Structure formats: C-alpha cells, structure tokens
C-alpha cells in the first residue's frame, strides 16, 4: 500500500507531518490493546505489526500483518470516546508516526484540504474490508490460504524470489479465516509440491511465483 500522505499536496503533507510524533516500538511491545480508549492514529514507517482480536472462546486471532505505508487507529480521528477495535503488537522493531485527534482537528479546521488524508484512510479501510468479506464468502479455503501466503511473501521477501517468513501457522490461519490444522494440511501439500519448506515457527518460500498463482 502506498503511503497515504503521498495523496496530499506538498503543503498539506508538510502540515500533517509537522504535528505527527515519531514512535518506536521494540519487538513484542503492544502499541495498544483491544478495548483501550483511542485518540490517535498511526502511520507505519518501518517494521511489521500484527492486528489481533480476542474471539468469543477466549483465543487470540491475528487478522492482519501491517507494514510500511499502512495505517491503524484511523477511526479515532472521527469522533471522541473511541475504543481500539484490535490489539496492535510489534513483530519486530518498528517505527510509526502518530497523529492525535486534537492536532488533526485543529489542522483540518485551518486547512480543510487536509481532510483528504482522513478520506483516503477511510476509503482504504473500506476497500480492505470489502475485499476480505468477498474472499470469505466466495473463495475456497485453499485459495484464501494461498492468497495469504503470497501476501506474506510479498511483505517479507521484497524483491527476492525466495526467503523465510517468520510467522507461525496459527497467524496464517487467523488471516485466512480458518484453522491451524487446515493451514498445516495446505502447507504440507505446498511443501510436497516444492513451493515451501516448513520450519519451526516459520516457513521458507521456495517458489514465490507458484504461491501467487495459486492465490490469484
């Protein structure tokens, strides 16, 4: 995802970044807990963070992994007394730019064109939710798992054709909306086909193009 600030004119982008605060989080640090009061949003500058929620059975489900250019907490800019809808945890040393609601309100009041930043964030969220809902309704579980594997390969490998993705199978299961046992079965099938190699707490991508083809 492109940096949402790139959609702003140079003057507005400079105004927004001027009131943002750089935050650094070590690996394993929780940025916010589900249910916490929220009055700011974060734009990810570097690193990767997980988005997780508590299920009705008390389990933790990882819904997504975020990387540079992505944003979370944007609903806090809309109204007061917002609570966090998910727990955000740094999977590795990460840096974000935090924007508080009070600063955004003051800035958008003086410069209404800055509201484009919020509009772009909300449009991005709607697109993500719509895509996820359609996938859950119409795609097979195999397709969803392969799509998430390809997405994670893109996120972790950059331009490399192969490499390691340091995530457990239950993380992939949460992102694909299925169970760990199902993900394990599909990964073992992918391993037998030479697409991946399973390792403890991670998987090695061998044929990235094939993963992308199966998840397309």
Foldseek 3Di string as FASTA:
>chain_A
DAALLVVADPVLSVLQLVQWDKDKDAAFDKPFAFFAFDFKKKAWAAAKKWWWDQDPVRDIFTADIDGHRAMPPLVNLPDHRDGHHTIIGGNHITMIIMDGNVSVVVSCVVPVSNCSSSVSNVVVVVVVVVVLVVCVVPPDLLLLLLLLVLVQCCVPVPPDQKFKRQAQQSRSCSNSVHHSVVSVVSVVVCVVVVQWADDVRIIIGGGSVVSNVSND
